Amino acid sequence: YPFMRDENSISIMDGADEGAYQWLTMNYLLGNLAPSHAPAATSPDSANTIATVAAVDLGGGSVQLAYQVTPETARTAPNGY
């Protein structure tokens, strides 16, 4: 189809972004991101977090795994994650 687009409007998504968007989409569609009805996570330092599911994507040449981490682990993540 002759879609109207700019020259730089299409790109290949980075694997880290792919995993994060898949995790977000799955947990949104399952209703896991609404704290009003989701069960609390079992980690002792995550009283304000909710239980979510992990996302695994097995591609042709890569694998993405995305899951909820504790707030302490998130604070130690490299910049950009």
N, C-alpha and C. Protein backbone atom coordinates (compact mmCIF):
# COMPACT_ATOMS: atom_id res chain seq x y z
N TYR A 1 0.83 -1.19 0.00
CA TYR A 1 0.00 0.00 0.00
C TYR A 1 0.87 1.24 0.00
N PRO A 2 0.41 2.27 -0.59
CA PRO A 2 1.19 3.52 -0.62
C PRO A 2 0.94 4.38 0.63
N PHE A 3 1.41 3.91 1.79
CA PHE A 3 1.24 4.67 3.02
C PHE A 3 2.09 5.92 2.97
N MET A 4 1.54 7.01 3.50
CA MET A 4 2.31 8.25 3.59
C MET A 4 3.22 8.15 4.81
N ARG A 5 4.51 8.35 4.61
CA ARG A 5 5.47 8.27 5.71
C ARG A 5 6.69 9.12 5.38
N ASP A 6 7.38 9.50 6.45
CA ASP A 6 8.65 10.19 6.28
C ASP A 6 9.75 9.16 6.07
N GLU A 7 10.88 9.59 5.57
CA GLU A 7 11.99 8.67 5.29
C GLU A 7 12.48 7.97 6.55
N ASN A 8 12.48 8.66 7.70
CA ASN A 8 13.00 8.09 8.95
C ASN A 8 11.90 7.67 9.92
N SER A 9 10.69 7.44 9.45
CA SER A 9 9.59 7.12 10.36
C SER A 9 9.50 5.64 10.70
N ILE A 10 10.28 4.80 10.05
CA ILE A 10 10.25 3.36 10.32
C ILE A 10 11.65 2.92 10.72
N SER A 11 11.73 2.12 11.79
CA SER A 11 13.03 1.62 12.23
C SER A 11 12.85 0.24 12.87
N ILE A 12 13.94 -0.45 13.08
CA ILE A 12 13.91 -1.73 13.77
C ILE A 12 13.98 -1.48 15.26
N MET A 13 13.09 -2.10 16.00
CA MET A 13 13.02 -1.90 17.45
C MET A 13 14.16 -2.65 18.13
N ASP A 14 14.79 -2.00 19.09
CA ASP A 14 15.85 -2.61 19.90
C ASP A 14 15.25 -3.73 20.75
N GLY A 15 16.02 -4.79 20.99
CA GLY A 15 15.54 -5.93 21.76
C GLY A 15 15.11 -5.56 23.17
N ALA A 16 15.81 -4.65 23.82
CA ALA A 16 15.43 -4.23 25.18
C ALA A 16 14.07 -3.54 25.17
N ASP A 17 13.83 -2.71 24.17
CA ASP A 17 12.53 -2.05 24.05
C ASP A 17 11.44 -3.06 23.74
N GLU A 18 11.74 -4.02 22.89
CA GLU A 18 10.77 -5.05 22.52
C GLU A 18 10.31 -5.81 23.76
N GLY A 19 11.25 -6.23 24.60
CA GLY A 19 10.90 -6.95 25.82
C GLY A 19 10.09 -6.10 26.78
N ALA A 20 10.46 -4.85 26.94
CA ALA A 20 9.75 -3.96 27.86
C ALA A 20 8.32 -3.70 27.38
N TYR A 21 8.15 -3.43 26.10
CA TYR A 21 6.80 -3.18 25.56
C TYR A 21 5.95 -4.44 25.63
N GLN A 22 6.54 -5.60 25.41
CA GLN A 22 5.79 -6.85 25.51
C GLN A 22 5.33 -7.06 26.95
N TRP A 23 6.22 -6.84 27.92
CA TRP A 23 5.86 -7.00 29.33
C TRP A 23 4.73 -6.04 29.71
N LEU A 24 4.87 -4.79 29.30
CA LEU A 24 3.85 -3.79 29.62
C LEU A 24 2.52 -4.15 29.00
N THR A 25 2.52 -4.56 27.74
CA THR A 25 1.28 -4.92 27.06
C THR A 25 0.61 -6.12 27.71
N MET A 26 1.37 -7.16 28.00
CA MET A 26 0.79 -8.35 28.62
C MET A 26 0.17 -8.04 29.98
N ASN A 27 0.88 -7.31 30.81
CA ASN A 27 0.36 -7.01 32.14
C ASN A 27 -0.79 -6.02 32.11
N TYR A 28 -0.79 -5.12 31.15
CA TYR A 28 -1.93 -4.20 30.98
C TYR A 28 -3.17 -4.99 30.58
N LEU A 29 -3.05 -5.86 29.58
CA LEU A 29 -4.19 -6.62 29.10
C LEU A 29 -4.71 -7.61 30.15
N LEU A 30 -3.84 -8.11 31.01
CA LEU A 30 -4.26 -9.00 32.09
C LEU A 30 -4.82 -8.25 33.30
N GLY A 31 -4.75 -6.92 33.28
CA GLY A 31 -5.26 -6.12 34.39
C GLY A 31 -4.33 -6.09 35.59
N ASN A 32 -3.07 -6.45 35.40
CA ASN A 32 -2.11 -6.51 36.51
C ASN A 32 -1.52 -5.16 36.89
N LEU A 33 -1.81 -4.13 36.15
CA LEU A 33 -1.21 -2.83 36.44
C LEU A 33 -2.15 -1.91 37.22
N ALA A 34 -3.31 -2.42 37.60
CA ALA A 34 -4.28 -1.65 38.38
C ALA A 34 -4.19 -2.09 39.83
N PRO A 35 -3.54 -1.31 40.70
CA PRO A 35 -3.32 -1.75 42.09
C PRO A 35 -4.59 -1.93 42.90
N SER A 36 -5.73 -1.45 42.42
CA SER A 36 -6.96 -1.56 43.20
C SER A 36 -7.43 -3.01 43.36
N HIS A 37 -7.06 -3.90 42.42
CA HIS A 37 -7.51 -5.28 42.53
C HIS A 37 -6.41 -6.31 42.37
N ALA A 38 -5.19 -5.88 42.17
CA ALA A 38 -4.10 -6.83 41.98
C ALA A 38 -3.48 -7.22 43.32
N PRO A 39 -3.08 -8.49 43.49
CA PRO A 39 -2.45 -8.90 44.75
C PRO A 39 -1.06 -8.31 44.89
N ALA A 40 -0.65 -8.07 46.12
CA ALA A 40 0.68 -7.51 46.36
C ALA A 40 1.75 -8.54 46.08
N ALA A 41 2.89 -8.08 45.64
CA ALA A 41 4.03 -8.97 45.42
C ALA A 41 4.53 -9.48 46.76
N THR A 42 5.25 -10.59 46.74
CA THR A 42 5.66 -11.23 47.99
C THR A 42 6.98 -10.72 48.53
N SER A 43 7.68 -9.89 47.78
CA SER A 43 8.98 -9.40 48.23
C SER A 43 8.80 -8.48 49.44
N PRO A 44 9.63 -8.62 50.46
CA PRO A 44 9.46 -7.82 51.68
C PRO A 44 9.65 -6.33 51.49
N ASP A 45 10.45 -5.90 50.51
CA ASP A 45 10.67 -4.46 50.34
C ASP A 45 9.83 -3.90 49.19
N SER A 46 8.79 -4.62 48.78
CA SER A 46 7.98 -4.14 47.67
C SER A 46 6.52 -4.03 48.07
N ALA A 47 6.26 -3.39 49.20
CA ALA A 47 4.90 -3.28 49.71
C ALA A 47 3.98 -2.53 48.76
N ASN A 48 4.51 -1.62 47.95
CA ASN A 48 3.68 -0.82 47.06
C ASN A 48 3.64 -1.37 45.64
N THR A 49 4.21 -2.54 45.40
CA THR A 49 4.19 -3.12 44.07
C THR A 49 3.06 -4.13 43.95
N ILE A 50 2.80 -4.56 42.74
CA ILE A 50 1.74 -5.53 42.50
C ILE A 50 2.33 -6.73 41.77
N ALA A 51 1.64 -7.86 41.82
CA ALA A 51 2.10 -9.07 41.14
C ALA A 51 1.90 -8.94 39.64
N THR A 52 2.88 -9.31 38.87
CA THR A 52 2.80 -9.27 37.42
C THR A 52 3.31 -10.59 36.85
N VAL A 53 3.13 -10.79 35.56
CA VAL A 53 3.66 -11.98 34.90
C VAL A 53 4.91 -11.61 34.13
N ALA A 54 5.78 -12.59 33.93
CA ALA A 54 6.99 -12.39 33.13
C ALA A 54 6.64 -12.56 31.66
N ALA A 55 7.46 -11.96 30.80
CA ALA A 55 7.28 -12.07 29.36
C ALA A 55 8.55 -12.65 28.75
N VAL A 56 8.41 -13.69 27.95
CA VAL A 56 9.54 -14.30 27.26
C VAL A 56 9.23 -14.31 25.77
N ASP A 57 10.15 -13.80 24.98
CA ASP A 57 9.99 -13.76 23.53
C ASP A 57 11.18 -14.47 22.90
N LEU A 58 10.91 -15.60 22.26
CA LEU A 58 11.96 -16.36 21.58
C LEU A 58 11.92 -16.00 20.11
N GLY A 59 12.88 -15.23 19.67
CA GLY A 59 12.94 -14.82 18.27
C GLY A 59 13.87 -15.71 17.47
N GLY A 60 14.05 -15.36 16.23
CA GLY A 60 14.92 -16.14 15.36
C GLY A 60 16.37 -16.09 15.79
N GLY A 61 16.84 -14.94 16.24
CA GLY A 61 18.24 -14.81 16.63
C GLY A 61 18.42 -14.19 17.99
N SER A 62 17.34 -14.07 18.78
CA SER A 62 17.45 -13.42 20.08
C SER A 62 16.37 -13.92 21.02
N VAL A 63 16.56 -13.62 22.30
CA VAL A 63 15.58 -13.94 23.33
C VAL A 63 15.45 -12.71 24.22
N GLN A 64 14.22 -12.32 24.51
CA GLN A 64 13.98 -11.24 25.46
C GLN A 64 13.20 -11.81 26.64
N LEU A 65 13.63 -11.48 27.84
CA LEU A 65 12.97 -11.89 29.07
C LEU A 65 12.75 -10.63 29.90
N ALA A 66 11.51 -10.37 30.25
CA ALA A 66 11.19 -9.18 31.03
C ALA A 66 10.34 -9.59 32.23
N TYR A 67 10.68 -9.09 33.41
CA TYR A 67 9.94 -9.42 34.61
C TYR A 67 10.07 -8.29 35.63
N GLN A 68 9.15 -8.28 36.58
CA GLN A 68 9.15 -7.27 37.63
C GLN A 68 10.30 -7.53 38.59
N VAL A 69 11.00 -6.48 38.98
CA VAL A 69 12.07 -6.60 39.97
C VAL A 69 11.71 -5.77 41.19
N THR A 70 12.43 -5.99 42.27
CA THR A 70 12.20 -5.22 43.48
C THR A 70 12.67 -3.78 43.28
N PRO A 71 12.15 -2.85 44.07
CA PRO A 71 12.62 -1.46 43.96
C PRO A 71 14.13 -1.34 44.18
N GLU A 72 14.70 -2.14 45.08
CA GLU A 72 16.14 -2.10 45.33
C GLU A 72 16.92 -2.50 44.08
N THR A 73 16.49 -3.55 43.41
CA THR A 73 17.14 -3.99 42.18
C THR A 73 17.00 -2.93 41.09
N ALA A 74 15.84 -2.33 40.99
CA ALA A 74 15.61 -1.28 39.98
C ALA A 74 16.54 -0.09 40.20
N ARG A 75 16.80 0.25 41.46
CA ARG A 75 17.70 1.38 41.74
C ARG A 75 19.13 1.11 41.29
N THR A 76 19.52 -0.14 41.21
CA THR A 76 20.90 -0.46 40.81
C THR A 76 21.04 -0.73 39.31
N ALA A 77 19.97 -0.58 38.56
CA ALA A 77 20.02 -0.83 37.10
C ALA A 77 20.88 0.24 36.42
N PRO A 78 21.51 -0.12 35.31
CA PRO A 78 22.29 0.88 34.55
C PRO A 78 21.39 1.99 34.03
N ASN A 79 21.97 3.14 33.76
CA ASN A 79 21.20 4.26 33.20
C ASN A 79 20.53 3.82 31.91
N GLY A 80 19.27 4.23 31.72
CA GLY A 80 18.55 3.90 30.52
C GLY A 80 17.66 2.68 30.65
N TYR A 81 17.73 1.99 31.79
CA TYR A 81 16.88 0.81 31.99
C TYR A 81 15.91 1.03 33.10
